[in-house]
Amino acid sequence: MEAKEIRCAADYYPPGWCPIDGSMKVDGWEYFCYEFIEGKKDHVLVNRERGVYVEIDWSPYSRMYKSQVRQWLSLGGPKRHSTGPLCQDDLDELQKVVEDNLLGDAL
């Protein structure tokens, strides 16, 4: 997960982009979903306390749920897992790999 320093609100709130349904707070981060082309979305997490923001490479056709943001954070903010942006199936697959590795280490 590559966190970028916030210099001004425009860093994570691009001009002309419209936030959809406001934002939601997840584990010290604030999630924003922007519509940048009709029907396509961009996803950003902001941590004002640390003064950083992170762009999430998530499907441009859906908004993330709180559980998905939390899972993405717990996995360390993974980048693309396949040829396209992340989706729930990718997070579940990555979670299984992590759990299998932890189980293997415990044996």
C-alpha atoms as a PDB file:
ATOM      1  CA  MET A   1       0.000   0.000   0.000  1.00  0.00           C
ATOM      2  CA  GLU A   2       1.582   3.250  -1.140  1.00  0.00           C
ATOM      3  CA  ALA A   3       0.433   6.126   1.052  1.00  0.00           C
ATOM      4  CA  LYS A   4       0.801   9.602  -0.414  1.00  0.00           C
ATOM      5  CA  GLU A   5       1.127  12.794   1.627  1.00  0.00           C
ATOM      6  CA  ILE A   6      -1.896  15.092   1.671  1.00  0.00           C
ATOM      7  CA  ARG A   7      -0.968  18.603   0.625  1.00  0.00           C
ATOM      8  CA  CYS A   8      -4.511  19.846   0.069  1.00  0.00           C
ATOM      9  CA  ALA A   9      -8.033  18.447  -0.249  1.00  0.00           C
ATOM     10  CA  ALA A  10      -7.651  18.307  -4.049  1.00  0.00           C
ATOM     11  CA  ASP A  11      -5.072  15.541  -3.595  1.00  0.00           C
ATOM     12  CA  TYR A  12      -7.803  13.071  -2.720  1.00  0.00           C
ATOM     13  CA  TYR A  13     -10.815  15.029  -3.948  1.00  0.00           C
ATOM     14  CA  PRO A  14     -10.063  15.752  -7.612  1.00  0.00           C
ATOM     15  CA  PRO A  15     -11.824  18.810  -9.095  1.00  0.00           C
ATOM     16  CA  GLY A  16     -14.913  17.941 -11.082  1.00  0.00           C
ATOM     17  CA  TRP A  17     -15.263  14.485  -9.556  1.00  0.00           C
ATOM     18  CA  CYS A  18     -18.385  13.817  -7.536  1.00  0.00           C
ATOM     19  CA  PRO A  19     -18.255  11.779  -4.335  1.00  0.00           C
ATOM     20  CA  ILE A  20     -20.970   9.125  -4.277  1.00  0.00           C
ATOM     21  CA  ASP A  21     -23.030   8.591  -1.105  1.00  0.00           C
ATOM     22  CA  GLY A  22     -20.616  10.595   1.059  1.00  0.00           C
ATOM     23  CA  SER A  23     -17.849   8.715   2.824  1.00  0.00           C
ATOM     24  CA  MET A  24     -17.465   6.024   5.492  1.00  0.00           C
ATOM     25  CA  LYS A  25     -14.970   5.624   8.299  1.00  0.00           C
ATOM     26  CA  VAL A  26     -13.077   2.332   8.619  1.00  0.00           C
ATOM     27  CA  ASP A  27     -10.329   1.697  11.197  1.00  0.00           C
ATOM     28  CA  GLY A  28      -9.009   5.279  11.264  1.00  0.00           C
ATOM     29  CA  TRP A  29      -9.386   5.748   7.498  1.00  0.00           C
ATOM     30  CA  GLU A  30     -12.104   7.518   5.551  1.00  0.00           C
ATOM     31  CA  TYR A  31     -13.268   5.881   2.322  1.00  0.00           C
ATOM     32  CA  PHE A  32     -14.367   7.989  -0.649  1.00  0.00           C
ATOM     33  CA  CYS A  33     -15.855   6.714  -3.887  1.00  0.00           C
ATOM     34  CA  TYR A  34     -15.845   9.151  -6.823  1.00  0.00           C
ATOM     35  CA  GLU A  35     -17.638   8.911 -10.116  1.00  0.00           C
ATOM     36  CA  PHE A  36     -15.255  10.161 -12.789  1.00  0.00           C
ATOM     37  CA  ILE A  37     -17.019   8.893 -15.900  1.00  0.00           C
ATOM     38  CA  GLU A  38     -20.709   8.129 -15.773  1.00  0.00           C
ATOM     39  CA  GLY A  39     -21.029   4.695 -14.220  1.00  0.00           C
ATOM     40  CA  LYS A  40     -17.309   4.269 -13.414  1.00  0.00           C
ATOM     41  CA  LYS A  41     -15.827   4.858  -9.978  1.00  0.00           C
ATOM     42  CA  ASP A  42     -12.479   5.643  -8.331  1.00  0.00           C
ATOM     43  CA  HIS A  43     -11.709   4.630  -4.742  1.00  0.00           C
ATOM     44  CA  VAL A  44      -9.601   6.518  -2.188  1.00  0.00           C
ATOM     45  CA  LEU A  45      -8.806   6.067   1.519  1.00  0.00           C
ATOM     46  CA  VAL A  46      -7.762   9.110   3.556  1.00  0.00           C
ATOM     47  CA  ASN A  47      -6.096   9.093   6.970  1.00  0.00           C
ATOM     48  CA  ARG A  48      -6.222  12.725   8.091  1.00  0.00           C
ATOM     49  CA  GLU A  49      -4.451  11.988  11.375  1.00  0.00           C
ATOM     50  CA  ARG A  50      -1.407  10.666   9.502  1.00  0.00           C
ATOM     51  CA  GLY A  51      -1.877  13.162   6.655  1.00  0.00           C
ATOM     52  CA  VAL A  52      -1.886  10.535   3.907  1.00  0.00           C
ATOM     53  CA  TYR A  53      -4.202   9.052   1.306  1.00  0.00           C
ATOM     54  CA  VAL A  54      -4.184   5.790  -0.673  1.00  0.00           C
ATOM     55  CA  GLU A  55      -5.756   5.000  -4.023  1.00  0.00           C
ATOM     56  CA  ILE A  56      -7.418   1.585  -4.198  1.00  0.00           C
ATOM     57  CA  ASP A  57      -7.341  -0.334  -7.477  1.00  0.00           C
ATOM     58  CA  TRP A  58     -10.907  -1.633  -7.102  1.00  0.00           C
ATOM     59  CA  SER A  59     -13.509  -2.393  -9.734  1.00  0.00           C
ATOM     60  CA  PRO A  60     -14.649   0.882 -11.321  1.00  0.00           C
ATOM     61  CA  TYR A  61     -18.212  -0.424 -11.503  1.00  0.00           C
ATOM     62  CA  SER A  62     -18.943  -0.852  -7.800  1.00  0.00           C
ATOM     63  CA  ARG A  63     -18.569   0.912  -4.483  1.00  0.00           C
ATOM     64  CA  MET A  64     -16.666  -0.921  -1.742  1.00  0.00           C
ATOM     65  CA  TYR A  65     -18.468  -2.127   1.376  1.00  0.00           C
ATOM     66  CA  LYS A  66     -17.030  -1.467   4.835  1.00  0.00           C
ATOM     67  CA  SER A  67     -16.113  -5.151   5.203  1.00  0.00           C
ATOM     68  CA  GLN A  68     -14.188  -5.024   1.896  1.00  0.00           C
ATOM     69  CA  VAL A  69     -12.248  -1.917   2.924  1.00  0.00           C
ATOM     70  CA  ARG A  70     -11.406  -3.565   6.266  1.00  0.00           C
ATOM     71  CA  GLN A  71     -10.304  -6.780   4.506  1.00  0.00           C
ATOM     72  CA  TRP A  72      -8.209  -4.782   1.999  1.00  0.00           C
ATOM     73  CA  LEU A  73      -6.485  -2.966   4.867  1.00  0.00           C
ATOM     74  CA  SER A  74      -5.884  -6.211   6.803  1.00  0.00           C
ATOM     75  CA  LEU A  75      -4.190  -7.679   3.709  1.00  0.00           C
ATOM     76  CA  GLY A  76      -1.784  -4.727   3.607  1.00  0.00           C
ATOM     77  CA  GLY A  77      -3.448  -2.871   0.741  1.00  0.00           C
ATOM     78  CA  PRO A  78      -2.806  -5.308  -2.110  1.00  0.00           C
ATOM     79  CA  LYS A  79      -2.458  -4.175  -5.701  1.00  0.00           C
ATOM     80  CA  ARG A  80      -3.999  -5.988  -8.670  1.00  0.00           C
ATOM     81  CA  HIS A  81      -4.124  -9.731  -8.220  1.00  0.00           C
ATOM     82  CA  SER A  82      -4.895 -10.486 -11.863  1.00  0.00           C
ATOM     83  CA  THR A  83      -5.176  -8.514 -15.098  1.00  0.00           C
ATOM     84  CA  GLY A  84      -8.036  -6.327 -13.858  1.00  0.00           C
ATOM     85  CA  PRO A  85      -8.727  -4.252 -10.757  1.00  0.00           C
ATOM     86  CA  LEU A  86      -9.468  -5.983  -7.477  1.00  0.00           C
ATOM     87  CA  CYS A  87     -12.866  -7.407  -6.566  1.00  0.00           C
ATOM     88  CA  GLN A  88     -14.225  -9.443  -3.640  1.00  0.00           C
ATOM     89  CA  ASP A  89     -13.088 -12.749  -5.157  1.00  0.00           C
ATOM     90  CA  ASP A  90      -9.494 -11.450  -5.284  1.00  0.00           C
ATOM     91  CA  LEU A  91      -9.597 -10.413  -1.625  1.00  0.00           C
ATOM     92  CA  ASP A  92     -10.987 -13.819  -0.637  1.00  0.00           C
ATOM     93  CA  GLU A  93      -8.283 -15.611  -2.641  1.00  0.00           C
ATOM     94  CA  LEU A  94      -5.520 -13.490  -1.096  1.00  0.00           C
ATOM     95  CA  GLN A  95      -7.010 -14.038   2.381  1.00  0.00           C
ATOM     96  CA  LYS A  96      -6.902 -17.803   1.821  1.00  0.00           C
ATOM     97  CA  VAL A  97      -3.228 -17.630   0.782  1.00  0.00           C
ATOM     98  CA  VAL A  98      -2.404 -15.668   3.940  1.00  0.00           C
ATOM     99  CA  GLU A  99      -4.318 -18.103   6.141  1.00  0.00           C
ATOM    100  CA  ASP A 100      -2.725 -21.151   4.447  1.00  0.00           C
ATOM    101  CA  ASN A 101       0.737 -19.625   4.968  1.00  0.00           C
ATOM    102  CA  LEU A 102      -0.005 -18.929   8.639  1.00  0.00           C
ATOM    103  CA  LEU A 103      -1.301 -22.479   9.099  1.00  0.00           C
ATOM    104  CA  GLY A 104       1.792 -23.892   7.361  1.00  0.00           C
ATOM    105  CA  ASP A 105       4.069 -21.870   9.655  1.00  0.00           C
ATOM    106  CA  ALA A 106       2.242 -23.166  12.727  1.00  0.00           C
ATOM    107  CA  LEU A 107       2.790 -26.850  11.817  1.00  0.00           C
END
